[in-house]
């Protein structure tokens, strides 16, 4: 029974981690086209989530947890738009450093990882239920 509980805990930690990753990716995509509101103001800066291994003291199982979310220090893109309120003296506007193609790839990967953990969780729950039925 402890093994099945461990399987459920490991799968749940994976789902939590990938859920947080999806939140960060969604925020990045939502702000990908943002600019500063005025000259000299920086636009939205891409966020990067990192994970770390966590060992459960009770079971000894390796799980995953969010280590932190940090800002990506990559340079902003520059678009020429002299009529924009945030344009500099040369007519360039700083645009977010979010690469939407990369973010969509990250979203797909996180969704698939979440689904794999969900499948593992459902299988573990089903096995636990079958075991309880056998013990009746």
N, C-alpha and C. Protein backbone atom coordinates (compact mmCIF):
# COMPACT_ATOMS: atom_id res chain seq x y z
N UNK A 1 0.82 -1.19 0.00
CA UNK A 1 0.00 0.00 0.00
C UNK A 1 0.87 1.26 0.00
N UNK A 2 1.99 1.22 0.71
CA UNK A 2 2.88 2.37 0.76
C UNK A 2 3.44 2.71 -0.62
N UNK A 3 3.72 1.68 -1.42
CA UNK A 3 4.24 1.89 -2.76
C UNK A 3 3.24 2.64 -3.62
N UNK A 4 1.98 2.28 -3.53
CA UNK A 4 0.95 2.97 -4.32
C UNK A 4 0.78 4.41 -3.85
N UNK A 5 0.89 4.63 -2.57
CA UNK A 5 0.81 6.00 -2.04
C UNK A 5 1.98 6.82 -2.57
N UNK A 6 3.15 6.21 -2.65
CA UNK A 6 4.32 6.89 -3.17
C UNK A 6 4.13 7.25 -4.64
N UNK A 7 3.58 6.31 -5.41
CA UNK A 7 3.32 6.56 -6.83
C UNK A 7 2.39 7.76 -6.98
N UNK A 8 1.34 7.81 -6.17
CA UNK A 8 0.39 8.93 -6.24
C UNK A 8 1.07 10.24 -5.86
N UNK A 9 1.93 10.20 -4.85
CA UNK A 9 2.62 11.42 -4.42
C UNK A 9 3.60 11.92 -5.48
N UNK A 10 4.33 11.01 -6.09
CA UNK A 10 5.29 11.39 -7.14
C UNK A 10 4.54 11.99 -8.33
N UNK A 11 3.47 11.35 -8.74
CA UNK A 11 2.68 11.85 -9.87
C UNK A 11 2.09 13.22 -9.55
N UNK A 12 1.59 13.38 -8.33
CA UNK A 12 0.99 14.66 -7.93
C UNK A 12 2.04 15.77 -7.92
N UNK A 13 3.25 15.46 -7.48
CA UNK A 13 4.30 16.49 -7.48
C UNK A 13 4.64 16.89 -8.91
N UNK A 14 4.65 15.93 -9.82
CA UNK A 14 4.91 16.23 -11.23
C UNK A 14 3.81 17.09 -11.83
N UNK A 15 2.56 16.79 -11.47
CA UNK A 15 1.45 17.59 -11.99
C UNK A 15 1.50 19.02 -11.45
N UNK A 16 1.82 19.17 -10.17
CA UNK A 16 1.95 20.52 -9.59
C UNK A 16 3.05 21.31 -10.30
N UNK A 17 4.18 20.67 -10.51
CA UNK A 17 5.32 21.35 -11.15
C UNK A 17 4.97 21.78 -12.58
N UNK A 18 4.37 20.86 -13.33
CA UNK A 18 4.02 21.20 -14.71
C UNK A 18 2.89 22.22 -14.78
N UNK A 19 2.00 22.19 -13.81
CA UNK A 19 0.95 23.20 -13.74
C UNK A 19 1.54 24.59 -13.53
N UNK A 20 2.54 24.69 -12.65
CA UNK A 20 3.22 25.97 -12.43
C UNK A 20 3.97 26.40 -13.68
N UNK A 21 4.56 25.44 -14.36
CA UNK A 21 5.28 25.74 -15.61
C UNK A 21 4.31 26.30 -16.65
N UNK A 22 3.12 25.71 -16.74
CA UNK A 22 2.11 26.19 -17.68
C UNK A 22 1.66 27.61 -17.34
N UNK A 23 1.57 27.93 -16.06
CA UNK A 23 1.20 29.29 -15.66
C UNK A 23 2.25 30.30 -16.14
N UNK A 24 3.52 29.96 -15.95
CA UNK A 24 4.60 30.86 -16.35
C UNK A 24 4.62 31.02 -17.87
N UNK A 25 4.48 29.92 -18.59
CA UNK A 25 4.47 29.98 -20.06
C UNK A 25 3.28 30.80 -20.54
N UNK A 26 2.12 30.61 -19.93
CA UNK A 26 0.93 31.37 -20.32
C UNK A 26 1.13 32.87 -20.11
N UNK A 27 1.74 33.22 -19.00
CA UNK A 27 2.02 34.64 -18.74
C UNK A 27 2.98 35.19 -19.77
N UNK A 28 3.99 34.40 -20.13
CA UNK A 28 4.94 34.85 -21.15
C UNK A 28 4.25 35.09 -22.49
N UNK A 29 3.41 34.14 -22.90
CA UNK A 29 2.71 34.27 -24.18
C UNK A 29 1.77 35.47 -24.16
N UNK A 30 1.06 35.65 -23.05
CA UNK A 30 0.11 36.76 -22.95
C UNK A 30 0.80 38.12 -23.06
N UNK A 31 2.04 38.19 -22.63
CA UNK A 31 2.76 39.47 -22.63
C UNK A 31 3.80 39.58 -23.73
N UNK A 32 3.79 38.66 -24.67
CA UNK A 32 4.84 38.61 -25.70
C UNK A 32 4.91 39.87 -26.56
N UNK A 33 3.80 40.50 -26.80
CA UNK A 33 3.82 41.67 -27.68
C UNK A 33 3.82 42.98 -26.91
N UNK A 34 4.08 42.93 -25.63
CA UNK A 34 4.05 44.16 -24.83
C UNK A 34 5.27 45.03 -25.11
N UNK A 35 5.06 46.31 -24.93
CA UNK A 35 6.15 47.29 -25.04
C UNK A 35 6.09 48.15 -23.78
N UNK A 36 7.11 48.93 -23.59
CA UNK A 36 7.05 49.91 -22.51
C UNK A 36 6.00 50.95 -22.85
N UNK A 37 5.41 51.57 -21.85
CA UNK A 37 4.37 52.57 -22.10
C UNK A 37 4.95 53.93 -22.49
N UNK A 38 6.19 54.18 -22.16
CA UNK A 38 6.81 55.45 -22.50
C UNK A 38 8.29 55.20 -22.81
N UNK A 39 8.91 56.19 -23.42
CA UNK A 39 10.32 56.07 -23.80
C UNK A 39 11.16 55.79 -22.56
N UNK A 40 12.00 54.79 -22.64
CA UNK A 40 12.89 54.42 -21.55
C UNK A 40 12.32 53.36 -20.63
N UNK A 41 11.04 53.09 -20.74
CA UNK A 41 10.43 52.06 -19.90
C UNK A 41 10.60 50.70 -20.57
N UNK A 42 11.01 49.72 -19.79
CA UNK A 42 11.22 48.38 -20.34
C UNK A 42 9.89 47.65 -20.48
N UNK A 43 9.79 46.83 -21.54
CA UNK A 43 8.59 46.00 -21.69
C UNK A 43 8.66 44.77 -20.77
N UNK A 44 7.67 43.92 -20.90
CA UNK A 44 7.63 42.68 -20.12
C UNK A 44 8.88 41.87 -20.40
N UNK A 45 9.45 41.31 -19.35
CA UNK A 45 10.62 40.45 -19.47
C UNK A 45 10.19 39.01 -19.25
N UNK A 46 10.58 38.13 -20.17
CA UNK A 46 10.25 36.71 -20.09
C UNK A 46 10.65 36.13 -18.74
N UNK A 47 9.82 35.21 -18.23
CA UNK A 47 10.12 34.52 -16.98
C UNK A 47 10.51 33.08 -17.28
N UNK A 48 11.42 32.56 -16.47
CA UNK A 48 11.91 31.19 -16.61
C UNK A 48 11.70 30.49 -15.28
N UNK A 49 11.10 29.32 -15.34
CA UNK A 49 10.88 28.53 -14.13
C UNK A 49 11.95 27.46 -14.03
N UNK A 50 12.38 27.17 -12.82
CA UNK A 50 13.35 26.10 -12.62
C UNK A 50 12.82 25.15 -11.55
N UNK A 51 13.27 23.93 -11.63
CA UNK A 51 12.81 22.87 -10.73
C UNK A 51 13.98 22.28 -9.98
N UNK A 52 13.66 21.61 -8.90
CA UNK A 52 14.68 20.87 -8.16
C UNK A 52 14.08 19.57 -7.65
N UNK A 53 14.97 18.64 -7.42
CA UNK A 53 14.55 17.35 -6.87
C UNK A 53 14.34 17.51 -5.38
N UNK A 54 13.30 16.87 -4.90
CA UNK A 54 13.00 16.87 -3.48
C UNK A 54 12.81 15.42 -3.07
N UNK A 55 13.43 14.99 -2.01
CA UNK A 55 13.29 13.62 -1.54
C UNK A 55 12.29 13.61 -0.39
N UNK A 56 11.26 12.81 -0.55
CA UNK A 56 10.25 12.67 0.50
C UNK A 56 10.85 11.91 1.67
N UNK A 57 10.77 12.49 2.85
CA UNK A 57 11.40 11.87 4.03
C UNK A 57 10.73 10.55 4.42
N UNK A 58 9.42 10.49 4.26
CA UNK A 58 8.70 9.27 4.67
C UNK A 58 8.97 8.09 3.75
N UNK A 59 8.89 8.34 2.43
CA UNK A 59 9.00 7.24 1.49
C UNK A 59 10.37 7.11 0.85
N UNK A 60 11.15 8.20 0.87
CA UNK A 60 12.45 8.18 0.21
C UNK A 60 12.34 8.40 -1.29
N UNK A 61 11.13 8.68 -1.78
CA UNK A 61 10.91 8.86 -3.22
C UNK A 61 11.41 10.23 -3.67
N UNK A 62 11.95 10.26 -4.87
CA UNK A 62 12.37 11.52 -5.48
C UNK A 62 11.16 12.18 -6.12
N UNK A 63 10.95 13.43 -5.76
CA UNK A 63 9.84 14.20 -6.32
C UNK A 63 10.41 15.48 -6.89
N UNK A 64 9.56 16.26 -7.51
CA UNK A 64 9.99 17.52 -8.11
C UNK A 64 9.20 18.65 -7.47
N UNK A 65 9.90 19.79 -7.33
CA UNK A 65 9.23 20.98 -6.85
C UNK A 65 9.82 22.19 -7.56
N UNK A 66 9.07 23.27 -7.56
CA UNK A 66 9.54 24.50 -8.19
C UNK A 66 10.65 25.08 -7.34
N UNK A 67 11.79 25.33 -7.99
CA UNK A 67 12.93 25.94 -7.31
C UNK A 67 12.78 27.45 -7.30
N UNK A 68 12.21 27.99 -8.35
CA UNK A 68 12.00 29.43 -8.42
C UNK A 68 11.65 29.88 -9.81
N UNK A 69 11.24 31.12 -9.90
CA UNK A 69 10.94 31.76 -11.19
C UNK A 69 11.81 33.00 -11.25
N UNK A 70 12.56 33.11 -12.33
CA UNK A 70 13.45 34.26 -12.49
C UNK A 70 13.19 34.94 -13.82
N UNK A 71 13.67 36.13 -13.93
CA UNK A 71 13.51 36.89 -15.17
C UNK A 71 14.64 36.55 -16.15
N UNK A 72 14.29 36.44 -17.41
CA UNK A 72 15.26 36.17 -18.46
C UNK A 72 15.99 37.47 -18.79
N UNK A 73 17.30 37.45 -18.70
CA UNK A 73 18.09 38.66 -18.94
C UNK A 73 18.46 38.87 -20.40
N UNK A 74 17.87 38.10 -21.31
CA UNK A 74 18.14 38.27 -22.73
C UNK A 74 17.73 39.68 -23.17
N UNK A 75 18.41 40.18 -24.19
CA UNK A 75 18.12 41.52 -24.69
C UNK A 75 16.70 41.61 -25.26
N UNK A 76 16.14 42.81 -25.16
CA UNK A 76 14.84 43.06 -25.78
C UNK A 76 15.02 43.18 -27.29
N UNK A 77 13.95 42.91 -28.00
CA UNK A 77 13.96 43.12 -29.44
C UNK A 77 13.66 44.60 -29.69
N UNK A 78 14.13 45.10 -30.82
CA UNK A 78 13.84 46.48 -31.19
C UNK A 78 13.04 46.49 -32.48
N UNK A 79 11.92 47.19 -32.46
CA UNK A 79 11.09 47.37 -33.65
C UNK A 79 11.07 48.84 -34.02
N UNK A 80 11.14 49.11 -35.31
CA UNK A 80 11.10 50.49 -35.75
C UNK A 80 9.65 50.95 -35.86
N UNK A 81 9.28 51.91 -35.02
CA UNK A 81 7.92 52.47 -35.03
C UNK A 81 8.00 53.86 -34.41
N UNK A 82 8.41 54.85 -35.21
CA UNK A 82 8.62 56.19 -34.66
C UNK A 82 7.36 56.85 -34.09
N UNK A 83 6.18 56.36 -34.45
CA UNK A 83 4.94 56.97 -33.94
C UNK A 83 4.52 56.40 -32.59
N UNK A 84 5.18 55.36 -32.15
CA UNK A 84 4.83 54.72 -30.86
C UNK A 84 5.27 55.62 -29.70
N UNK A 85 4.43 55.74 -28.65
CA UNK A 85 4.80 56.59 -27.51
C UNK A 85 6.08 56.16 -26.79
N UNK A 86 6.45 54.88 -26.90
CA UNK A 86 7.65 54.38 -26.23
C UNK A 86 8.88 54.40 -27.14
N UNK A 87 8.75 54.99 -28.34
CA UNK A 87 9.88 55.02 -29.27
C UNK A 87 10.99 55.93 -28.74
N UNK A 88 12.23 55.49 -28.98
CA UNK A 88 13.36 56.32 -28.59
C UNK A 88 13.59 57.39 -29.66
N UNK A 89 14.65 58.17 -29.50
CA UNK A 89 14.91 59.27 -30.43
C UNK A 89 15.19 58.79 -31.85
N UNK A 90 15.57 57.52 -32.02
CA UNK A 90 15.81 56.97 -33.35
C UNK A 90 14.59 56.26 -33.92
N UNK A 91 13.49 56.23 -33.16
CA UNK A 91 12.25 55.63 -33.63
C UNK A 91 12.09 54.15 -33.29
N UNK A 92 12.98 53.61 -32.46
CA UNK A 92 12.91 52.19 -32.10
C UNK A 92 12.17 51.99 -30.79
N UNK A 93 11.39 50.93 -30.75
CA UNK A 93 10.61 50.58 -29.56
C UNK A 93 11.12 49.24 -29.04
N UNK A 94 11.37 49.18 -27.73
CA UNK A 94 11.75 47.91 -27.11
C UNK A 94 10.51 47.02 -27.02
N UNK A 95 10.68 45.78 -27.46
CA UNK A 95 9.61 44.79 -27.40
C UNK A 95 10.08 43.64 -26.51
N UNK A 96 9.14 43.01 -25.88
CA UNK A 96 9.43 41.91 -24.95
C UNK A 96 10.43 40.92 -25.55
N UNK A 97 11.20 40.27 -24.68
CA UNK A 97 12.17 39.27 -25.13
C UNK A 97 11.57 37.86 -25.19
N UNK A 98 10.25 37.77 -25.24
CA UNK A 98 9.56 36.49 -25.33
C UNK A 98 9.57 36.01 -26.77
N UNK A 99 10.00 34.77 -26.97
CA UNK A 99 9.95 34.12 -28.27
C UNK A 99 8.73 33.20 -28.25
N UNK A 100 7.68 33.58 -28.96
CA UNK A 100 6.42 32.83 -28.88
C UNK A 100 6.55 31.40 -29.40
N UNK A 101 7.42 31.18 -30.37
CA UNK A 101 7.61 29.81 -30.88
C UNK A 101 8.21 28.93 -29.79
N UNK A 102 9.21 29.45 -29.08
CA UNK A 102 9.82 28.72 -27.97
C UNK A 102 8.79 28.48 -26.87
N UNK A 103 7.99 29.48 -26.56
CA UNK A 103 6.98 29.34 -25.51
C UNK A 103 5.91 28.32 -25.89
N UNK A 104 5.52 28.29 -27.13
CA UNK A 104 4.53 27.29 -27.56
C UNK A 104 5.11 25.88 -27.46
N UNK A 105 6.40 25.75 -27.77
CA UNK A 105 7.08 24.47 -27.60
C UNK A 105 7.13 24.08 -26.13
N UNK A 106 7.44 25.05 -25.26
CA UNK A 106 7.45 24.79 -23.82
C UNK A 106 6.06 24.41 -23.32
N UNK A 107 5.04 25.06 -23.87
CA UNK A 107 3.67 24.76 -23.46
C UNK A 107 3.30 23.33 -23.85
N UNK A 108 3.66 22.94 -25.04
CA UNK A 108 3.36 21.58 -25.49
C UNK A 108 4.08 20.55 -24.62
N UNK A 109 5.35 20.80 -24.33
CA UNK A 109 6.13 19.89 -23.51
C UNK A 109 5.55 19.79 -22.09
N UNK A 110 5.18 20.91 -21.53
CA UNK A 110 4.60 20.92 -20.17
C UNK A 110 3.26 20.20 -20.15
N UNK A 111 2.45 20.40 -21.19
CA UNK A 111 1.15 19.73 -21.28
C UNK A 111 1.31 18.22 -21.37
N UNK A 112 2.27 17.79 -22.17
CA UNK A 112 2.51 16.35 -22.30
C UNK A 112 3.05 15.75 -21.01
N UNK A 113 3.92 16.47 -20.35
CA UNK A 113 4.45 16.00 -19.07
C UNK A 113 3.35 15.93 -18.02
N UNK A 114 2.50 16.94 -18.01
CA UNK A 114 1.37 16.95 -17.07
C UNK A 114 0.49 15.73 -17.34
N UNK A 115 0.19 15.48 -18.62
CA UNK A 115 -0.66 14.35 -18.99
C UNK A 115 -0.02 13.02 -18.60
N UNK A 116 1.27 12.89 -18.78
CA UNK A 116 1.96 11.65 -18.39
C UNK A 116 1.85 11.43 -16.88
N UNK A 117 2.02 12.50 -16.11
CA UNK A 117 1.87 12.38 -14.65
C UNK A 117 0.43 12.08 -14.26
N UNK A 118 -0.51 12.66 -14.97
CA UNK A 118 -1.92 12.38 -14.70
C UNK A 118 -2.25 10.92 -14.99
N UNK A 119 -1.72 10.39 -16.09
CA UNK A 119 -1.93 8.98 -16.42
C UNK A 119 -1.35 8.07 -15.33
N UNK A 120 -0.15 8.43 -14.86
CA UNK A 120 0.47 7.66 -13.80
C UNK A 120 -0.37 7.73 -12.52
N UNK A 121 -0.89 8.91 -12.21
CA UNK A 121 -1.73 9.08 -11.02
C UNK A 121 -3.00 8.24 -11.13
N UNK A 122 -3.65 8.31 -12.29
CA UNK A 122 -4.89 7.55 -12.48
C UNK A 122 -4.65 6.04 -12.43
N UNK A 123 -3.54 5.59 -12.99
CA UNK A 123 -3.20 4.17 -12.93
C UNK A 123 -2.95 3.74 -11.49
N UNK A 124 -2.21 4.55 -10.75
CA UNK A 124 -1.96 4.24 -9.34
C UNK A 124 -3.24 4.21 -8.53
N UNK A 125 -4.12 5.15 -8.78
CA UNK A 125 -5.40 5.20 -8.07
C UNK A 125 -6.27 3.99 -8.41
N UNK A 126 -6.24 3.61 -9.67
CA UNK A 126 -7.00 2.44 -10.10
C UNK A 126 -6.45 1.17 -9.45
N UNK A 127 -5.14 1.06 -9.41
CA UNK A 127 -4.53 -0.12 -8.77
C UNK A 127 -4.85 -0.16 -7.28
N UNK A 128 -4.86 0.99 -6.66
CA UNK A 128 -5.18 1.06 -5.23
C UNK A 128 -6.63 0.63 -4.99
N UNK A 129 -7.51 1.09 -5.87
CA UNK A 129 -8.92 0.72 -5.75
C UNK A 129 -9.12 -0.78 -5.96
N UNK A 130 -8.42 -1.34 -6.94
CA UNK A 130 -8.52 -2.78 -7.19
C UNK A 130 -7.98 -3.57 -6.00
N UNK A 131 -6.91 -3.09 -5.40
CA UNK A 131 -6.34 -3.75 -4.23
C UNK A 131 -7.34 -3.73 -3.07
N UNK A 132 -7.98 -2.60 -2.86
CA UNK A 132 -8.97 -2.51 -1.79
C UNK A 132 -10.15 -3.43 -2.05
N UNK A 133 -10.54 -3.56 -3.32
CA UNK A 133 -11.63 -4.48 -3.66
C UNK A 133 -11.24 -5.93 -3.37
N UNK A 134 -9.98 -6.28 -3.63
CA UNK A 134 -9.51 -7.64 -3.37
C UNK A 134 -9.48 -7.94 -1.86
N UNK A 135 -9.23 -6.91 -1.07
CA UNK A 135 -9.12 -7.10 0.37
C UNK A 135 -10.48 -7.16 1.07
N UNK A 136 -11.53 -6.89 0.35
CA UNK A 136 -12.88 -6.93 0.96
C UNK A 136 -13.31 -8.34 1.26
